[in-house]
């Protein structure tokens, strides 16, 4: 499986994550969200401000350009909807 980027750490949740491409060329975020699982019945919800949410990643690599330019293929073929260059980098036959 191709790792697109990561590992990184979310600033707000403080959870670790990375992005991979599964065989059908869909981007999948692999995260450890369970690390923040809180089961206390008296736990008060946390409301994050817009300023806090803008912090994004606490650490890790800068967000890569393909994160903003590549989405799940439209259908038909595994590489339909992604660039030939990205398909080649991921090891898909085009």
PDB file of N, CA and C in Angstrom:
ATOM      1  N   UNK A   1       0.854  -1.173   0.000  1.00  0.00           N
ATOM      2  CA  UNK A   1       0.000   0.000   0.000  1.00  0.00           C
ATOM      3  C   UNK A   1       0.897   1.233   0.000  1.00  0.00           C
ATOM      4  N   UNK A   2       0.580   2.200  -0.823  1.00  0.00           N
ATOM      5  CA  UNK A   2       1.376   3.416  -0.958  1.00  0.00           C
ATOM      6  C   UNK A   2       1.025   4.413   0.156  1.00  0.00           C
ATOM      7  N   UNK A   3       2.022   4.843   0.920  1.00  0.00           N
ATOM      8  CA  UNK A   3       1.815   5.895   1.928  1.00  0.00           C
ATOM      9  C   UNK A   3       2.006   7.228   1.230  1.00  0.00           C
ATOM     10  N   UNK A   4       0.954   8.029   1.198  1.00  0.00           N
ATOM     11  CA  UNK A   4       1.029   9.337   0.533  1.00  0.00           C
ATOM     12  C   UNK A   4       1.796  10.329   1.398  1.00  0.00           C
ATOM     13  N   UNK A   5       1.486  10.363   2.690  1.00  0.00           N
ATOM     14  CA  UNK A   5       2.159  11.299   3.586  1.00  0.00           C
ATOM     15  C   UNK A   5       1.911  10.904   5.039  1.00  0.00           C
ATOM     16  N   UNK A   6       2.808  11.304   5.878  1.00  0.00           N
ATOM     17  CA  UNK A   6       2.664  11.042   7.306  1.00  0.00           C
ATOM     18  C   UNK A   6       3.838  10.233   7.822  1.00  0.00           C
ATOM     19  N   UNK A   7       3.900  10.008   9.090  1.00  0.00           N
ATOM     20  CA  UNK A   7       2.870  10.318  10.067  1.00  0.00           C
ATOM     21  C   UNK A   7       2.850  11.800  10.447  1.00  0.00           C
ATOM     22  N   UNK A   8       1.692  12.230  10.908  1.00  0.00           N
ATOM     23  CA  UNK A   8       1.463  13.590  11.381  1.00  0.00           C
ATOM     24  C   UNK A   8       0.698  13.505  12.703  1.00  0.00           C
ATOM     25  N   UNK A   9       0.487  14.662  13.319  1.00  0.00           N
ATOM     26  CA  UNK A   9      -0.308  14.708  14.547  1.00  0.00           C
ATOM     27  C   UNK A   9      -1.299  15.855  14.433  1.00  0.00           C
ATOM     28  N   UNK A  10      -2.584  15.557  14.653  1.00  0.00           N
ATOM     29  CA  UNK A  10      -3.612  16.596  14.652  1.00  0.00           C
ATOM     30  C   UNK A  10      -3.420  17.492  15.877  1.00  0.00           C
ATOM     31  N   UNK A  11      -3.501  18.803  15.676  1.00  0.00           N
ATOM     32  CA  UNK A  11      -3.315  19.745  16.779  1.00  0.00           C
ATOM     33  C   UNK A  11      -4.481  19.699  17.764  1.00  0.00           C
ATOM     34  N   UNK A  12      -5.694  19.646  17.270  1.00  0.00           N
ATOM     35  CA  UNK A  12      -6.856  19.704  18.143  1.00  0.00           C
ATOM     36  C   UNK A  12      -7.045  18.391  18.895  1.00  0.00           C
ATOM     37  N   UNK A  13      -7.118  17.273  18.189  1.00  0.00           N
ATOM     38  CA  UNK A  13      -7.373  15.988  18.820  1.00  0.00           C
ATOM     39  C   UNK A  13      -6.141  15.358  19.445  1.00  0.00           C
ATOM     40  N   UNK A  14      -4.962  15.783  18.994  1.00  0.00           N
ATOM     41  CA  UNK A  14      -3.703  15.198  19.455  1.00  0.00           C
ATOM     42  C   UNK A  14      -3.568  13.732  19.061  1.00  0.00           C
ATOM     43  N   UNK A  15      -4.210  13.328  17.957  1.00  0.00           N
ATOM     44  CA  UNK A  15      -4.109  11.957  17.475  1.00  0.00           C
ATOM     45  C   UNK A  15      -3.145  11.901  16.295  1.00  0.00           C
ATOM     46  N   UNK A  16      -2.509  10.764  16.117  1.00  0.00           N
ATOM     47  CA  UNK A  16      -1.577  10.565  15.013  1.00  0.00           C
ATOM     48  C   UNK A  16      -2.331  10.049  13.797  1.00  0.00           C
ATOM     49  N   UNK A  17      -1.829  10.386  12.600  1.00  0.00           N
ATOM     50  CA  UNK A  17      -2.496   9.939  11.377  1.00  0.00           C
ATOM     51  C   UNK A  17      -1.519   9.908  10.224  1.00  0.00           C
ATOM     52  N   UNK A  18      -1.885   9.182   9.184  1.00  0.00           N
ATOM     53  CA  UNK A  18      -1.179   9.215   7.915  1.00  0.00           C
ATOM     54  C   UNK A  18      -2.186   8.901   6.823  1.00  0.00           C
ATOM     55  N   UNK A  19      -1.830   9.231   5.576  1.00  0.00           N
ATOM     56  CA  UNK A  19      -2.707   8.984   4.444  1.00  0.00           C
ATOM     57  C   UNK A  19      -2.077   7.945   3.534  1.00  0.00           C
ATOM     58  N   UNK A  20      -2.894   6.981   3.106  1.00  0.00           N
ATOM     59  CA  UNK A  20      -2.454   5.929   2.201  1.00  0.00           C
ATOM     60  C   UNK A  20      -3.437   5.843   1.037  1.00  0.00           C
ATOM     61  N   UNK A  21      -2.987   5.202  -0.044  1.00  0.00           N
ATOM     62  CA  UNK A  21      -3.878   4.873  -1.153  1.00  0.00           C
ATOM     63  C   UNK A  21      -4.118   3.378  -1.120  1.00  0.00           C
ATOM     64  N   UNK A  22      -5.379   2.985  -1.100  1.00  0.00           N
ATOM     65  CA  UNK A  22      -5.716   1.571  -1.183  1.00  0.00           C
ATOM     66  C   UNK A  22      -5.738   1.162  -2.657  1.00  0.00           C
ATOM     67  N   UNK A  23      -5.808  -0.132  -2.967  1.00  0.00           N
ATOM     68  CA  UNK A  23      -5.651  -0.595  -4.348  1.00  0.00           C
ATOM     69  C   UNK A  23      -6.582   0.017  -5.386  1.00  0.00           C
ATOM     70  N   UNK A  24      -7.749   0.503  -5.011  1.00  0.00           N
ATOM     71  CA  UNK A  24      -8.653   1.121  -5.986  1.00  0.00           C
ATOM     72  C   UNK A  24      -8.384   2.615  -6.147  1.00  0.00           C
ATOM     73  N   UNK A  25      -7.264   3.109  -5.597  1.00  0.00           N
ATOM     74  CA  UNK A  25      -6.817   4.498  -5.720  1.00  0.00           C
ATOM     75  C   UNK A  25      -7.600   5.475  -4.863  1.00  0.00           C
ATOM     76  N   UNK A  26      -8.257   4.996  -3.825  1.00  0.00           N
ATOM     77  CA  UNK A  26      -8.930   5.877  -2.878  1.00  0.00           C
ATOM     78  C   UNK A  26      -7.950   6.254  -1.776  1.00  0.00           C
ATOM     79  N   UNK A  27      -7.942   7.523  -1.401  1.00  0.00           N
ATOM     80  CA  UNK A  27      -7.108   7.981  -0.274  1.00  0.00           C
ATOM     81  C   UNK A  27      -7.834   7.599   1.017  1.00  0.00           C
ATOM     82  N   UNK A  28      -7.092   7.042   1.952  1.00  0.00           N
ATOM     83  CA  UNK A  28      -7.653   6.636   3.234  1.00  0.00           C
ATOM     84  C   UNK A  28      -6.805   7.232   4.345  1.00  0.00           C
ATOM     85  N   UNK A  29      -7.450   7.833   5.338  1.00  0.00           N
ATOM     86  CA  UNK A  29      -6.726   8.327   6.507  1.00  0.00           C
ATOM     87  C   UNK A  29      -6.686   7.209   7.543  1.00  0.00           C
ATOM     88  N   UNK A  30      -5.487   6.867   7.962  1.00  0.00           N
ATOM     89  CA  UNK A  30      -5.308   5.885   9.023  1.00  0.00           C
ATOM     90  C   UNK A  30      -4.962   6.686  10.270  1.00  0.00           C
ATOM     91  N   UNK A  31      -5.801   6.573  11.294  1.00  0.00           N
ATOM     92  CA  UNK A  31      -5.616   7.381  12.500  1.00  0.00           C
ATOM     93  C   UNK A  31      -5.836   6.533  13.738  1.00  0.00           C
ATOM     94  N   UNK A  32      -5.370   7.033  14.858  1.00  0.00           N
ATOM     95  CA  UNK A  32      -5.580   6.338  16.127  1.00  0.00           C
ATOM     96  C   UNK A  32      -6.600   7.100  16.965  1.00  0.00           C
ATOM     97  N   UNK A  33      -7.766   7.310  16.391  1.00  0.00           N
ATOM     98  CA  UNK A  33      -8.806   8.094  17.074  1.00  0.00           C
ATOM     99  C   UNK A  33      -9.190   7.500  18.423  1.00  0.00           C
ATOM    100  N   UNK A  34      -9.030   6.198  18.597  1.00  0.00           N
ATOM    101  CA  UNK A  34      -9.349   5.563  19.867  1.00  0.00           C
ATOM    102  C   UNK A  34      -8.495   6.055  21.014  1.00  0.00           C
ATOM    103  N   UNK A  35      -7.386   6.699  20.694  1.00  0.00           N
ATOM    104  CA  UNK A  35      -6.516   7.226  21.745  1.00  0.00           C
ATOM    105  C   UNK A  35      -7.225   8.332  22.522  1.00  0.00           C
ATOM    106  N   UNK A  36      -8.255   8.918  21.948  1.00  0.00           N
ATOM    107  CA  UNK A  36      -9.007   9.995  22.608  1.00  0.00           C
ATOM    108  C   UNK A  36     -10.417   9.553  22.987  1.00  0.00           C
ATOM    109  N   UNK A  37     -10.644   8.265  23.086  1.00  0.00           N
ATOM    110  CA  UNK A  37     -11.949   7.746  23.442  1.00  0.00           C
ATOM    111  C   UNK A  37     -12.192   8.000  24.931  1.00  0.00           C
ATOM    112  N   UNK A  38     -13.210   8.790  25.234  1.00  0.00           N
ATOM    113  CA  UNK A  38     -13.512   9.152  26.618  1.00  0.00           C
ATOM    114  C   UNK A  38     -14.887   8.591  26.963  1.00  0.00           C
ATOM    115  N   UNK A  39     -14.940   7.745  27.968  1.00  0.00           N
ATOM    116  CA  UNK A  39     -16.188   7.081  28.332  1.00  0.00           C
ATOM    117  C   UNK A  39     -16.786   7.609  29.628  1.00  0.00           C
ATOM    118  N   UNK A  40     -16.175   8.611  30.237  1.00  0.00           N
ATOM    119  CA  UNK A  40     -16.678   9.159  31.497  1.00  0.00           C
ATOM    120  C   UNK A  40     -18.038   9.823  31.268  1.00  0.00           C
ATOM    121  N   UNK A  41     -19.076   9.398  31.979  1.00  0.00           N
ATOM    122  CA  UNK A  41     -20.409   9.956  31.750  1.00  0.00           C
ATOM    123  C   UNK A  41     -20.538  11.437  32.115  1.00  0.00           C
ATOM    124  N   UNK A  42     -19.654  11.960  32.960  1.00  0.00           N
ATOM    125  CA  UNK A  42     -19.744  13.371  33.347  1.00  0.00           C
ATOM    126  C   UNK A  42     -18.772  14.260  32.565  1.00  0.00           C
ATOM    127  N   UNK A  43     -18.176  13.727  31.517  1.00  0.00           N
ATOM    128  CA  UNK A  43     -17.229  14.493  30.703  1.00  0.00           C
ATOM    129  C   UNK A  43     -17.958  15.611  29.975  1.00  0.00           C
ATOM    130  N   UNK A  44     -17.439  16.811  30.065  1.00  0.00           N
ATOM    131  CA  UNK A  44     -18.047  17.961  29.394  1.00  0.00           C
ATOM    132  C   UNK A  44     -17.482  18.078  27.970  1.00  0.00           C
ATOM    133  N   UNK A  45     -18.355  18.294  26.996  1.00  0.00           N
ATOM    134  CA  UNK A  45     -17.878  18.435  25.618  1.00  0.00           C
ATOM    135  C   UNK A  45     -16.930  19.626  25.483  1.00  0.00           C
ATOM    136  N   UNK A  46     -15.990  19.489  24.586  1.00  0.00           N
ATOM    137  CA  UNK A  46     -15.052  20.571  24.295  1.00  0.00           C
ATOM    138  C   UNK A  46     -15.492  21.222  22.997  1.00  0.00           C
ATOM    139  N   UNK A  47     -15.593  22.528  22.990  1.00  0.00           N
ATOM    140  CA  UNK A  47     -15.939  23.271  21.782  1.00  0.00           C
ATOM    141  C   UNK A  47     -14.674  23.986  21.314  1.00  0.00           C
ATOM    142  N   UNK A  48     -14.208  23.611  20.108  1.00  0.00           N
ATOM    143  CA  UNK A  48     -12.986  24.200  19.572  1.00  0.00           C
ATOM    144  C   UNK A  48     -13.332  25.498  18.849  1.00  0.00           C
ATOM    145  N   UNK A  49     -12.523  26.520  19.048  1.00  0.00           N
ATOM    146  CA  UNK A  49     -12.723  27.781  18.341  1.00  0.00           C
ATOM    147  C   UNK A  49     -12.205  27.648  16.916  1.00  0.00           C
ATOM    148  N   UNK A  50     -12.637  28.537  16.058  1.00  0.00           N
ATOM    149  CA  UNK A  50     -12.162  28.539  14.676  1.00  0.00           C
ATOM    150  C   UNK A  50     -10.644  28.735  14.645  1.00  0.00           C
ATOM    151  N   UNK A  51     -10.131  29.571  15.528  1.00  0.00           N
ATOM    152  CA  UNK A  51      -8.686  29.814  15.601  1.00  0.00           C
ATOM    153  C   UNK A  51      -7.930  28.525  15.951  1.00  0.00           C
ATOM    154  N   UNK A  52      -8.466  27.753  16.889  1.00  0.00           N
ATOM    155  CA  UNK A  52      -7.835  26.484  17.265  1.00  0.00           C
ATOM    156  C   UNK A  52      -7.883  25.486  16.109  1.00  0.00           C
ATOM    157  N   UNK A  53      -9.001  25.456  15.406  1.00  0.00           N
ATOM    158  CA  UNK A  53      -9.143  24.526  14.280  1.00  0.00           C
ATOM    159  C   UNK A  53      -8.193  24.873  13.145  1.00  0.00           C
ATOM    160  N   UNK A  54      -7.857  26.150  12.979  1.00  0.00           N
ATOM    161  CA  UNK A  54      -6.949  26.571  11.910  1.00  0.00           C
ATOM    162  C   UNK A  54      -5.524  26.084  12.125  1.00  0.00           C
ATOM    163  N   UNK A  55      -5.212  25.652  13.344  1.00  0.00           N
ATOM    164  CA  UNK A  55      -3.854  25.175  13.626  1.00  0.00           C
ATOM    165  C   UNK A  55      -3.529  23.913  12.837  1.00  0.00           C
ATOM    166  N   UNK A  56      -4.531  23.109  12.515  1.00  0.00           N
ATOM    167  CA  UNK A  56      -4.320  21.922  11.694  1.00  0.00           C
ATOM    168  C   UNK A  56      -3.420  20.904  12.353  1.00  0.00           C
ATOM    169  N   UNK A  57      -2.271  20.694  11.760  1.00  0.00           N
ATOM    170  CA  UNK A  57      -1.336  19.694  12.242  1.00  0.00           C
ATOM    171  C   UNK A  57      -0.442  20.271  13.330  1.00  0.00           C
ATOM    172  N   UNK A  58      -0.242  19.496  14.375  1.00  0.00           N
ATOM    173  CA  UNK A  58       0.665  19.924  15.430  1.00  0.00           C
ATOM    174  C   UNK A  58       2.112  19.749  14.984  1.00  0.00           C
ATOM    175  N   UNK A  59       2.364  18.664  14.269  1.00  0.00           N
ATOM    176  CA  UNK A  59       3.693  18.446  13.712  1.00  0.00           C
ATOM    177  C   UNK A  59       3.591  17.467  12.560  1.00  0.00           C
ATOM    178  N   UNK A  60       4.650  17.385  11.811  1.00  0.00           N
ATOM    179  CA  UNK A  60       4.687  16.500  10.651  1.00  0.00           C
ATOM    180  C   UNK A  60       5.039  17.297   9.419  1.00  0.00           C
ATOM    181  N   UNK A  61       4.999  16.650   8.308  1.00  0.00           N
ATOM    182  CA  UNK A  61       5.339  17.293   7.052  1.00  0.00           C
ATOM    183  C   UNK A  61       4.256  18.284   6.644  1.00  0.00           C
ATOM    184  N   UNK A  62       4.637  19.255   5.825  1.00  0.00           N
ATOM    185  CA  UNK A  62       3.667  20.189   5.258  1.00  0.00           C
ATOM    186  C   UNK A  62       2.681  19.386   4.403  1.00  0.00           C
ATOM    187  N   UNK A  63       1.422  19.807   4.383  1.00  0.00           N
ATOM    188  CA  UNK A  63       0.415  19.118   3.574  1.00  0.00           C
ATOM    189  C   UNK A  63       0.871  19.103   2.121  1.00  0.00           C
ATOM    190  N   UNK A  64       0.868  17.926   1.518  1.00  0.00           N
ATOM    191  CA  UNK A  64       1.356  17.811   0.146  1.00  0.00           C
ATOM    192  C   UNK A  64       0.296  18.267  -0.846  1.00  0.00           C
ATOM    193  N   UNK A  65       0.753  18.724  -2.007  1.00  0.00           N
ATOM    194  CA  UNK A  65      -0.134  19.318  -3.006  1.00  0.00           C
ATOM    195  C   UNK A  65      -1.220  18.347  -3.478  1.00  0.00           C
ATOM    196  N   UNK A  66      -0.901  17.072  -3.625  1.00  0.00           N
ATOM    197  CA  UNK A  66      -1.903  16.126  -4.122  1.00  0.00           C
ATOM    198  C   UNK A  66      -3.097  16.004  -3.174  1.00  0.00           C
ATOM    199  N   UNK A  67      -2.931  16.381  -1.919  1.00  0.00           N
ATOM    200  CA  UNK A  67      -4.053  16.345  -0.978  1.00  0.00           C
ATOM    201  C   UNK A  67      -5.164  17.293  -1.429  1.00  0.00           C
ATOM    202  N   UNK A  68      -4.790  18.377  -2.091  1.00  0.00           N
ATOM    203  CA  UNK A  68      -5.753  19.387  -2.548  1.00  0.00           C
ATOM    204  C   UNK A  68      -6.188  19.178  -3.995  1.00  0.00           C
ATOM    205  N   UNK A  69      -5.512  18.280  -4.715  1.00  0.00           N
ATOM    206  CA  UNK A  69      -5.803  18.136  -6.147  1.00  0.00           C
ATOM    207  C   UNK A  69      -6.317  16.765  -6.535  1.00  0.00           C
ATOM    208  N   UNK A  70      -6.237  15.763  -5.660  1.00  0.00           N
ATOM    209  CA  UNK A  70      -6.649  14.407  -6.017  1.00  0.00           C
ATOM    210  C   UNK A  70      -7.808  13.947  -5.146  1.00  0.00           C
ATOM    211  N   UNK A  71      -8.813  13.410  -5.787  1.00  0.00           N
ATOM    212  CA  UNK A  71      -9.940  12.833  -5.068  1.00  0.00           C
ATOM    213  C   UNK A  71     -10.171  11.403  -5.522  1.00  0.00           C
ATOM    214  N   UNK A  72     -11.182  10.784  -4.979  1.00  0.00           N
ATOM    215  CA  UNK A  72     -11.511   9.418  -5.366  1.00  0.00           C
ATOM    216  C   UNK A  72     -11.873   9.382  -6.841  1.00  0.00           C
ATOM    217  N   UNK A  73     -11.362   8.408  -7.581  1.00  0.00           N
ATOM    218  CA  UNK A  73     -11.691   8.315  -9.013  1.00  0.00           C
ATOM    219  C   UNK A  73     -13.199   8.274  -9.241  1.00  0.00           C
ATOM    220  N   UNK A  74     -13.619   8.803 -10.404  1.00  0.00           N
ATOM    221  CA  UNK A  74     -15.033   8.911 -10.734  1.00  0.00           C
ATOM    222  C   UNK A  74     -15.688   7.566 -11.004  1.00  0.00           C
ATOM    223  N   UNK A  75     -14.921   6.559 -11.298  1.00  0.00           N
ATOM    224  CA  UNK A  75     -15.483   5.230 -11.563  1.00  0.00           C
ATOM    225  C   UNK A  75     -15.049   4.729 -12.922  1.00  0.00           C
ATOM    226  N   UNK A  76     -15.322   3.497 -13.185  1.00  0.00           N
ATOM    227  CA  UNK A  76     -14.957   2.911 -14.474  1.00  0.00           C
ATOM    228  C   UNK A  76     -13.660   2.136 -14.382  1.00  0.00           C
ATOM    229  N   UNK A  77     -12.569   2.805 -14.122  1.00  0.00           N
ATOM    230  CA  UNK A  77     -11.279   2.137 -14.021  1.00  0.00           C
ATOM    231  C   UNK A  77     -10.555   2.618 -12.790  1.00  0.00           C
ATOM    232  N   UNK A  78      -9.569   1.848 -12.371  1.00  0.00           N
ATOM    233  CA  UNK A  78      -8.860   2.215 -11.140  1.00  0.00           C
ATOM    234  C   UNK A  78      -8.179   3.563 -11.251  1.00  0.00           C
ATOM    235  N   UNK A  79      -7.715   3.929 -12.440  1.00  0.00           N
ATOM    236  CA  UNK A  79      -6.976   5.182 -12.559  1.00  0.00           C
ATOM    237  C   UNK A  79      -7.780   6.286 -13.218  1.00  0.00           C
ATOM    238  N   UNK A  80      -9.048   6.037 -13.542  1.00  0.00           N
ATOM    239  CA  UNK A  80      -9.862   7.096 -14.127  1.00  0.00           C
ATOM    240  C   UNK A  80     -10.023   8.204 -13.101  1.00  0.00           C
ATOM    241  N   UNK A  81      -9.770   9.427 -13.502  1.00  0.00           N
ATOM    242  CA  UNK A  81      -9.944  10.551 -12.597  1.00  0.00           C
ATOM    243  C   UNK A  81      -8.671  10.980 -11.881  1.00  0.00           C
ATOM    244  N   UNK A  82      -7.586  10.211 -12.000  1.00  0.00           N
ATOM    245  CA  UNK A  82      -6.329  10.666 -11.414  1.00  0.00           C
ATOM    246  C   UNK A  82      -5.326  10.881 -12.526  1.00  0.00           C
ATOM    247  N   UNK A  83      -4.375  11.750 -12.276  1.00  0.00           N
ATOM    248  CA  UNK A  83      -3.409  12.078 -13.314  1.00  0.00           C
ATOM    249  C   UNK A  83      -2.535  10.874 -13.643  1.00  0.00           C
ATOM    250  N   UNK A  84      -2.020  10.853 -14.851  1.00  0.00           N
ATOM    251  CA  UNK A  84      -1.127   9.774 -15.261  1.00  0.00           C
ATOM    252  C   UNK A  84       0.119   9.746 -14.384  1.00  0.00           C
ATOM    253  N   UNK A  85       0.633  10.923 -14.025  1.00  0.00           N
ATOM    254  CA  UNK A  85       1.823  10.978 -13.178  1.00  0.00           C
ATOM    255  C   UNK A  85       1.559  10.366 -11.819  1.00  0.00           C
ATOM    256  N   UNK A  86       0.438  10.743 -11.181  1.00  0.00           N
ATOM    257  CA  UNK A  86       0.116  10.202  -9.865  1.00  0.00           C
ATOM    258  C   UNK A  86      -0.133   8.707  -9.967  1.00  0.00           C
ATOM    259  N   UNK A  87      -0.816   8.260 -11.007  1.00  0.00           N
ATOM    260  CA  UNK A  87      -1.073   6.826 -11.189  1.00  0.00           C
ATOM    261  C   UNK A  87       0.258   6.072 -11.282  1.00  0.00           C
ATOM    262  N   UNK A  88       1.219   6.638 -12.013  1.00  0.00           N
ATOM    263  CA  UNK A  88       2.535   6.002 -12.132  1.00  0.00           C
ATOM    264  C   UNK A  88       3.258   5.957 -10.809  1.00  0.00           C
ATOM    265  N   UNK A  89       3.203   7.047 -10.050  1.00  0.00           N
ATOM    266  CA  UNK A  89       3.859   7.096  -8.744  1.00  0.00           C
ATOM    267  C   UNK A  89       3.263   6.057  -7.799  1.00  0.00           C
ATOM    268  N   UNK A  90       1.965   5.801  -7.919  1.00  0.00           N
ATOM    269  CA  UNK A  90       1.299   4.835  -7.049  1.00  0.00           C
ATOM    270  C   UNK A  90       1.487   3.407  -7.529  1.00  0.00           C
ATOM    271  N   UNK A  91       2.079   3.246  -8.726  1.00  0.00           N
ATOM    272  CA  UNK A  91       2.320   1.910  -9.238  1.00  0.00           C
ATOM    273  C   UNK A  91       1.153   1.311  -9.991  1.00  0.00           C
ATOM    274  N   UNK A  92       0.174   2.135 -10.382  1.00  0.00           N
ATOM    275  CA  UNK A  92      -0.971   1.641 -11.129  1.00  0.00           C
ATOM    276  C   UNK A  92      -0.658   1.653 -12.610  1.00  0.00           C
ATOM    277  N   UNK A  93      -1.127   0.648 -13.334  1.00  0.00           N
ATOM    278  CA  UNK A  93      -0.971   0.626 -14.800  1.00  0.00           C
ATOM    279  C   UNK A  93      -2.031   1.530 -15.396  1.00  0.00           C
ATOM    280  N   UNK A  94      -1.621   2.366 -16.335  1.00  0.00           N
ATOM    281  CA  UNK A  94      -2.582   3.296 -16.962  1.00  0.00           C
ATOM    282  C   UNK A  94      -2.770   2.961 -18.414  1.00  0.00           C
TER     283      UNK A  94
END
